[in-house]
């Protein structure tokens, strides 16, 4: 957690399970730190609501309200009782000026969040469940500069986490992973997935995207 509990008296807000914190498409002026609890981030994809992330203690969301004056790109819903630290443009500058170390950490968070949001949208726009799962594994491989794509690679991820990134139900993801395992494309473990040839997955997904844009 980047901020200690003393901030809660000044910036704290609380929500009950199923409360909507903000809605997709509405104006956004605040961003939030999760002090405790879980928050679900959902987005309308082809007229269907998809869960694109589940956030917990120490996570940040809604930060694009600070970075640009655009409507909310997703909806935030409390999954449990949550305590949040709420910041808006007016108090954000004061907060940063008083804590340069926090400003640097937030810059890193914002940069990564922008990349993650764009990468997740690329995954969600794929039509086929198998392609979505493949591209989640591609994304994880791309994030680790130490991996050698010439060899099989081990990715520390569970089917539940794949489902979150892909915007799919976990049973559907399990079905895809089982199929890829039977095809000898991957090996499944409780806490990781071993991909035999990640470059093959990259080629398949890239070919699909090229056809989609043609």
C-alpha atoms as a PDB file:
ATOM      1  CA  UNK A   1       0.000   0.000   0.000  1.00  0.00           C
ATOM      2  CA  UNK A   2       1.424   3.370  -1.009  1.00  0.00           C
ATOM      3  CA  UNK A   3      -0.468   5.402   1.595  1.00  0.00           C
ATOM      4  CA  UNK A   4      -0.815   4.733   5.318  1.00  0.00           C
ATOM      5  CA  UNK A   5      -4.061   4.606   7.288  1.00  0.00           C
ATOM      6  CA  UNK A   6      -3.774   8.227   8.398  1.00  0.00           C
ATOM      7  CA  UNK A   7      -4.981   9.290   4.952  1.00  0.00           C
ATOM      8  CA  UNK A   8      -8.329   7.556   5.392  1.00  0.00           C
ATOM      9  CA  UNK A   9      -9.769  10.234   7.681  1.00  0.00           C
ATOM     10  CA  UNK A  10      -9.151  12.879   5.017  1.00  0.00           C
ATOM     11  CA  UNK A  11      -9.621  10.989   1.754  1.00  0.00           C
ATOM     12  CA  UNK A  12     -11.502   7.816   2.754  1.00  0.00           C
ATOM     13  CA  UNK A  13     -14.826   6.592   1.332  1.00  0.00           C
ATOM     14  CA  UNK A  14     -16.618   3.275   1.862  1.00  0.00           C
ATOM     15  CA  UNK A  15     -18.925   1.157  -0.294  1.00  0.00           C
ATOM     16  CA  UNK A  16     -21.088  -1.894   0.383  1.00  0.00           C
ATOM     17  CA  UNK A  17     -21.192  -5.042  -1.816  1.00  0.00           C
ATOM     18  CA  UNK A  18     -22.788  -4.386  -5.252  1.00  0.00           C
ATOM     19  CA  UNK A  19     -22.536  -0.584  -4.868  1.00  0.00           C
ATOM     20  CA  UNK A  20     -21.557   1.136  -8.119  1.00  0.00           C
ATOM     21  CA  UNK A  21     -18.545   3.378  -7.573  1.00  0.00           C
ATOM     22  CA  UNK A  22     -18.723   4.868 -11.062  1.00  0.00           C
ATOM     23  CA  UNK A  23     -20.241   3.924 -14.429  1.00  0.00           C
ATOM     24  CA  UNK A  24     -18.789   3.520 -17.885  1.00  0.00           C
ATOM     25  CA  UNK A  25     -19.277   6.605 -20.116  1.00  0.00           C
ATOM     26  CA  UNK A  26     -19.944   9.033 -17.245  1.00  0.00           C
ATOM     27  CA  UNK A  27     -17.544  11.969 -16.645  1.00  0.00           C
ATOM     28  CA  UNK A  28     -14.603  11.088 -14.427  1.00  0.00           C
ATOM     29  CA  UNK A  29     -12.893  13.443 -12.001  1.00  0.00           C
ATOM     30  CA  UNK A  30     -11.535  11.122  -9.292  1.00  0.00           C
ATOM     31  CA  UNK A  31      -9.272   8.126  -8.957  1.00  0.00           C
ATOM     32  CA  UNK A  32      -9.075   5.612  -6.128  1.00  0.00           C
ATOM     33  CA  UNK A  33      -6.704   3.512  -4.039  1.00  0.00           C
ATOM     34  CA  UNK A  34      -8.152   0.292  -2.644  1.00  0.00           C
ATOM     35  CA  UNK A  35      -7.342   0.267   1.057  1.00  0.00           C
ATOM     36  CA  UNK A  36      -9.308  -2.932   1.734  1.00  0.00           C
ATOM     37  CA  UNK A  37     -11.841  -5.124  -0.045  1.00  0.00           C
ATOM     38  CA  UNK A  38     -12.388  -6.070  -3.684  1.00  0.00           C
ATOM     39  CA  UNK A  39     -13.619  -4.008  -6.638  1.00  0.00           C
ATOM     40  CA  UNK A  40     -14.789  -5.420  -9.963  1.00  0.00           C
ATOM     41  CA  UNK A  41     -14.075  -3.499 -13.171  1.00  0.00           C
ATOM     42  CA  UNK A  42     -16.514  -4.243 -16.004  1.00  0.00           C
ATOM     43  CA  UNK A  43     -16.854  -3.030 -19.591  1.00  0.00           C
ATOM     44  CA  UNK A  44     -19.487  -3.311 -22.296  1.00  0.00           C
ATOM     45  CA  UNK A  45     -18.101  -5.399 -25.160  1.00  0.00           C
ATOM     46  CA  UNK A  46     -20.514  -5.893 -28.065  1.00  0.00           C
ATOM     47  CA  UNK A  47     -23.486  -5.083 -25.803  1.00  0.00           C
ATOM     48  CA  UNK A  48     -22.401  -7.607 -23.171  1.00  0.00           C
ATOM     49  CA  UNK A  49     -20.921  -6.744 -19.796  1.00  0.00           C
ATOM     50  CA  UNK A  50     -17.501  -8.309 -19.335  1.00  0.00           C
ATOM     51  CA  UNK A  51     -15.410  -8.383 -16.159  1.00  0.00           C
ATOM     52  CA  UNK A  52     -11.974  -7.127 -17.161  1.00  0.00           C
ATOM     53  CA  UNK A  53     -10.325  -6.948 -13.748  1.00  0.00           C
ATOM     54  CA  UNK A  54     -10.757  -7.626 -10.041  1.00  0.00           C
ATOM     55  CA  UNK A  55      -8.832  -5.236  -7.796  1.00  0.00           C
ATOM     56  CA  UNK A  56      -7.826  -5.615  -4.157  1.00  0.00           C
ATOM     57  CA  UNK A  57      -5.695  -3.962  -1.447  1.00  0.00           C
ATOM     58  CA  UNK A  58      -3.170  -1.484  -2.818  1.00  0.00           C
ATOM     59  CA  UNK A  59      -4.549  -1.363  -6.350  1.00  0.00           C
ATOM     60  CA  UNK A  60      -5.385   1.869  -8.173  1.00  0.00           C
ATOM     61  CA  UNK A  61      -8.295   2.511 -10.527  1.00  0.00           C
ATOM     62  CA  UNK A  62      -9.984   5.416 -12.276  1.00  0.00           C
ATOM     63  CA  UNK A  63      -6.640   7.142 -12.792  1.00  0.00           C
ATOM     64  CA  UNK A  64      -7.430   8.185 -16.366  1.00  0.00           C
ATOM     65  CA  UNK A  65      -9.658  10.894 -14.836  1.00  0.00           C
ATOM     66  CA  UNK A  66      -6.451  12.597 -13.722  1.00  0.00           C
ATOM     67  CA  UNK A  67      -4.545  11.997 -16.940  1.00  0.00           C
ATOM     68  CA  UNK A  68      -7.172  13.111 -19.464  1.00  0.00           C
ATOM     69  CA  UNK A  69     -10.664  14.624 -19.558  1.00  0.00           C
ATOM     70  CA  UNK A  70     -12.480  11.645 -21.039  1.00  0.00           C
ATOM     71  CA  UNK A  71     -15.602   9.715 -19.969  1.00  0.00           C
ATOM     72  CA  UNK A  72     -15.077   6.599 -17.862  1.00  0.00           C
ATOM     73  CA  UNK A  73     -13.944   3.670 -19.996  1.00  0.00           C
ATOM     74  CA  UNK A  74     -15.355   1.071 -17.588  1.00  0.00           C
ATOM     75  CA  UNK A  75     -17.656   0.567 -14.597  1.00  0.00           C
ATOM     76  CA  UNK A  76     -16.353  -0.016 -11.054  1.00  0.00           C
ATOM     77  CA  UNK A  77     -18.484  -2.096  -8.668  1.00  0.00           C
ATOM     78  CA  UNK A  78     -17.783  -3.048  -5.052  1.00  0.00           C
ATOM     79  CA  UNK A  79     -17.622  -6.838  -4.728  1.00  0.00           C
ATOM     80  CA  UNK A  80     -17.214  -6.752  -0.940  1.00  0.00           C
ATOM     81  CA  UNK A  81     -17.310  -4.022   1.659  1.00  0.00           C
ATOM     82  CA  UNK A  82     -14.524  -1.747   0.440  1.00  0.00           C
ATOM     83  CA  UNK A  83     -12.575   1.137   1.883  1.00  0.00           C
ATOM     84  CA  UNK A  84     -11.118   3.457  -0.721  1.00  0.00           C
ATOM     85  CA  UNK A  85      -8.932   6.535  -0.767  1.00  0.00           C
ATOM     86  CA  UNK A  86     -10.494   8.982  -3.207  1.00  0.00           C
ATOM     87  CA  UNK A  87      -8.490  11.682  -4.957  1.00  0.00           C
ATOM     88  CA  UNK A  88      -9.542  14.287  -7.519  1.00  0.00           C
ATOM     89  CA  UNK A  89      -7.772  16.896  -9.582  1.00  0.00           C
ATOM     90  CA  UNK A  90      -8.078  19.610  -6.933  1.00  0.00           C
ATOM     91  CA  UNK A  91      -6.306  17.685  -4.166  1.00  0.00           C
ATOM     92  CA  UNK A  92      -4.080  15.571  -6.419  1.00  0.00           C
ATOM     93  CA  UNK A  93      -1.525  18.362  -6.993  1.00  0.00           C
ATOM     94  CA  UNK A  94      -1.316  19.066  -3.270  1.00  0.00           C
ATOM     95  CA  UNK A  95      -0.854  15.378  -2.540  1.00  0.00           C
ATOM     96  CA  UNK A  96       2.016  15.047  -5.028  1.00  0.00           C
ATOM     97  CA  UNK A  97       3.780  18.247  -4.001  1.00  0.00           C
ATOM     98  CA  UNK A  98       3.854  17.020  -0.435  1.00  0.00           C
ATOM     99  CA  UNK A  99       5.133  13.556  -1.366  1.00  0.00           C
ATOM    100  CA  UNK A 100       7.528  13.387  -4.377  1.00  0.00           C
ATOM    101  CA  UNK A 101       8.209   9.696  -3.698  1.00  0.00           C
ATOM    102  CA  UNK A 102       4.509   8.977  -4.070  1.00  0.00           C
ATOM    103  CA  UNK A 103       4.430  11.025  -7.276  1.00  0.00           C
ATOM    104  CA  UNK A 104       7.127   8.796  -8.782  1.00  0.00           C
ATOM    105  CA  UNK A 105       5.343   5.604  -7.732  1.00  0.00           C
ATOM    106  CA  UNK A 106       2.074   6.872  -9.186  1.00  0.00           C
ATOM    107  CA  UNK A 107       3.803   7.681 -12.471  1.00  0.00           C
ATOM    108  CA  UNK A 108       4.988   4.071 -12.689  1.00  0.00           C
ATOM    109  CA  UNK A 109       1.501   2.798 -11.842  1.00  0.00           C
ATOM    110  CA  UNK A 110      -0.146   5.068 -14.405  1.00  0.00           C
ATOM    111  CA  UNK A 111       2.285   4.045 -17.153  1.00  0.00           C
ATOM    112  CA  UNK A 112       1.734   0.350 -16.509  1.00  0.00           C
ATOM    113  CA  UNK A 113      -2.032   0.797 -16.220  1.00  0.00           C
ATOM    114  CA  UNK A 114      -2.222   2.506 -19.603  1.00  0.00           C
ATOM    115  CA  UNK A 115      -0.276  -0.342 -21.188  1.00  0.00           C
ATOM    116  CA  UNK A 116      -2.391  -2.982 -19.430  1.00  0.00           C
ATOM    117  CA  UNK A 117      -5.652  -1.322 -20.475  1.00  0.00           C
ATOM    118  CA  UNK A 118      -4.645  -1.141 -24.126  1.00  0.00           C
ATOM    119  CA  UNK A 119      -3.318  -4.701 -24.097  1.00  0.00           C
ATOM    120  CA  UNK A 120      -6.448  -6.073 -22.419  1.00  0.00           C
ATOM    121  CA  UNK A 121      -8.670  -4.336 -24.963  1.00  0.00           C
ATOM    122  CA  UNK A 122      -6.695  -6.002 -27.758  1.00  0.00           C
ATOM    123  CA  UNK A 123      -7.444  -9.365 -26.122  1.00  0.00           C
ATOM    124  CA  UNK A 124     -11.137  -8.641 -25.599  1.00  0.00           C
ATOM    125  CA  UNK A 125     -11.636  -7.636 -29.226  1.00  0.00           C
ATOM    126  CA  UNK A 126     -10.661 -11.115 -30.411  1.00  0.00           C
ATOM    127  CA  UNK A 127     -13.723 -13.207 -31.295  1.00  0.00           C
ATOM    128  CA  UNK A 128     -12.597 -16.748 -30.529  1.00  0.00           C
ATOM    129  CA  UNK A 129     -12.114 -17.969 -26.928  1.00  0.00           C
ATOM    130  CA  UNK A 130      -8.987 -19.924 -27.843  1.00  0.00           C
ATOM    131  CA  UNK A 131      -7.391 -16.852 -29.408  1.00  0.00           C
ATOM    132  CA  UNK A 132      -8.150 -14.805 -26.285  1.00  0.00           C
ATOM    133  CA  UNK A 133      -6.465 -17.370 -24.061  1.00  0.00           C
ATOM    134  CA  UNK A 134      -3.472 -17.593 -26.397  1.00  0.00           C
ATOM    135  CA  UNK A 135      -3.092 -13.816 -26.390  1.00  0.00           C
ATOM    136  CA  UNK A 136      -3.221 -13.632 -22.587  1.00  0.00           C
ATOM    137  CA  UNK A 137      -0.253 -16.009 -22.575  1.00  0.00           C
ATOM    138  CA  UNK A 138       1.420 -13.909 -25.285  1.00  0.00           C
ATOM    139  CA  UNK A 139       0.972 -10.788 -23.173  1.00  0.00           C
ATOM    140  CA  UNK A 140       2.499 -12.396 -20.077  1.00  0.00           C
ATOM    141  CA  UNK A 141       5.468 -13.620 -22.102  1.00  0.00           C
ATOM    142  CA  UNK A 142       5.994 -10.142 -23.581  1.00  0.00           C
ATOM    143  CA  UNK A 143       6.159  -8.631 -20.086  1.00  0.00           C
ATOM    144  CA  UNK A 144       9.103 -10.792 -18.983  1.00  0.00           C
ATOM    145  CA  UNK A 145      12.336  -9.655 -20.691  1.00  0.00           C
ATOM    146  CA  UNK A 146      14.219 -12.655 -19.287  1.00  0.00           C
ATOM    147  CA  UNK A 147      12.268 -15.285 -21.224  1.00  0.00           C
ATOM    148  CA  UNK A 148      13.862 -17.008 -24.203  1.00  0.00           C
ATOM    149  CA  UNK A 149      11.120 -17.411 -26.792  1.00  0.00           C
ATOM    150  CA  UNK A 150      13.137 -20.109 -28.541  1.00  0.00           C
ATOM    151  CA  UNK A 151      12.472 -22.516 -25.678  1.00  0.00           C
ATOM    152  CA  UNK A 152       9.335 -23.566 -23.855  1.00  0.00           C
ATOM    153  CA  UNK A 153       8.420 -20.992 -21.231  1.00  0.00           C
ATOM    154  CA  UNK A 154       6.777 -21.193 -17.817  1.00  0.00           C
ATOM    155  CA  UNK A 155       4.209 -18.510 -16.928  1.00  0.00           C
ATOM    156  CA  UNK A 156       3.072 -18.039 -13.343  1.00  0.00           C
ATOM    157  CA  UNK A 157      -0.670 -17.737 -13.855  1.00  0.00           C
ATOM    158  CA  UNK A 158      -3.822 -19.646 -12.913  1.00  0.00           C
ATOM    159  CA  UNK A 159      -6.902 -20.329 -15.011  1.00  0.00           C
ATOM    160  CA  UNK A 160      -8.788 -17.816 -12.842  1.00  0.00           C
ATOM    161  CA  UNK A 161      -6.295 -15.104 -13.731  1.00  0.00           C
ATOM    162  CA  UNK A 162      -6.433 -16.022 -17.418  1.00  0.00           C
ATOM    163  CA  UNK A 163     -10.225 -15.724 -17.239  1.00  0.00           C
ATOM    164  CA  UNK A 164      -9.945 -12.243 -15.708  1.00  0.00           C
ATOM    165  CA  UNK A 165      -7.598 -10.996 -18.439  1.00  0.00           C
ATOM    166  CA  UNK A 166      -9.620 -12.621 -21.228  1.00  0.00           C
ATOM    167  CA  UNK A 167     -13.019 -11.454 -19.963  1.00  0.00           C
ATOM    168  CA  UNK A 168     -14.256 -15.056 -19.946  1.00  0.00           C
ATOM    169  CA  UNK A 169     -15.863 -17.407 -17.452  1.00  0.00           C
ATOM    170  CA  UNK A 170     -13.322 -19.679 -15.762  1.00  0.00           C
ATOM    171  CA  UNK A 171     -15.021 -22.945 -16.925  1.00  0.00           C
ATOM    172  CA  UNK A 172     -14.743 -21.715 -20.519  1.00  0.00           C
ATOM    173  CA  UNK A 173     -11.057 -20.938 -20.002  1.00  0.00           C
ATOM    174  CA  UNK A 174     -10.506 -24.356 -18.429  1.00  0.00           C
ATOM    175  CA  UNK A 175     -12.057 -25.960 -21.515  1.00  0.00           C
ATOM    176  CA  UNK A 176      -9.694 -24.062 -23.811  1.00  0.00           C
ATOM    177  CA  UNK A 177      -6.646 -24.837 -21.672  1.00  0.00           C
ATOM    178  CA  UNK A 178      -7.561 -28.523 -21.529  1.00  0.00           C
ATOM    179  CA  UNK A 179      -7.850 -28.582 -25.315  1.00  0.00           C
ATOM    180  CA  UNK A 180      -4.453 -26.890 -25.746  1.00  0.00           C
ATOM    181  CA  UNK A 181      -2.982 -29.367 -23.281  1.00  0.00           C
ATOM    182  CA  UNK A 182      -4.361 -32.327 -25.253  1.00  0.00           C
ATOM    183  CA  UNK A 183      -2.897 -30.776 -28.423  1.00  0.00           C
ATOM    184  CA  UNK A 184       0.491 -30.715 -26.622  1.00  0.00           C
ATOM    185  CA  UNK A 185       0.646 -26.936 -26.953  1.00  0.00           C
ATOM    186  CA  UNK A 186       0.857 -26.358 -23.198  1.00  0.00           C
ATOM    187  CA  UNK A 187       1.325 -28.155 -19.881  1.00  0.00           C
ATOM    188  CA  UNK A 188      -1.071 -27.295 -17.062  1.00  0.00           C
ATOM    189  CA  UNK A 189      -0.094 -26.967 -13.409  1.00  0.00           C
ATOM    190  CA  UNK A 190      -1.914 -25.548 -10.395  1.00  0.00           C
ATOM    191  CA  UNK A 191       0.105 -22.332 -10.294  1.00  0.00           C
ATOM    192  CA  UNK A 192       1.598 -22.043 -13.777  1.00  0.00           C
ATOM    193  CA  UNK A 193       1.214 -22.812 -17.465  1.00  0.00           C
ATOM    194  CA  UNK A 194       4.117 -24.059 -19.567  1.00  0.00           C
ATOM    195  CA  UNK A 195       3.884 -23.020 -23.222  1.00  0.00           C
ATOM    196  CA  UNK A 196       5.747 -25.237 -25.670  1.00  0.00           C
ATOM    197  CA  UNK A 197       6.119 -22.645 -28.441  1.00  0.00           C
ATOM    198  CA  UNK A 198       4.987 -19.104 -27.620  1.00  0.00           C
ATOM    199  CA  UNK A 199       6.036 -17.876 -31.064  1.00  0.00           C
ATOM    200  CA  UNK A 200       3.406 -20.183 -32.548  1.00  0.00           C
ATOM    201  CA  UNK A 201       0.740 -18.500 -30.401  1.00  0.00           C
ATOM    202  CA  UNK A 202       2.028 -15.081 -31.454  1.00  0.00           C
ATOM    203  CA  UNK A 203       1.826 -15.995 -35.140  1.00  0.00           C
ATOM    204  CA  UNK A 204      -1.719 -17.357 -34.830  1.00  0.00           C
ATOM    205  CA  UNK A 205      -3.016 -14.259 -33.008  1.00  0.00           C
ATOM    206  CA  UNK A 206      -1.170 -11.831 -35.306  1.00  0.00           C
ATOM    207  CA  UNK A 207      -2.642 -13.556 -38.363  1.00  0.00           C
ATOM    208  CA  UNK A 208      -6.166 -13.225 -36.922  1.00  0.00           C
ATOM    209  CA  UNK A 209      -5.689  -9.546 -36.138  1.00  0.00           C
ATOM    210  CA  UNK A 210      -4.413  -8.915 -39.656  1.00  0.00           C
ATOM    211  CA  UNK A 211      -7.536 -10.546 -41.078  1.00  0.00           C
ATOM    212  CA  UNK A 212      -9.767  -8.518 -38.735  1.00  0.00           C
ATOM    213  CA  UNK A 213      -8.235  -5.238 -39.905  1.00  0.00           C
ATOM    214  CA  UNK A 214      -8.295  -6.131 -43.599  1.00  0.00           C
END
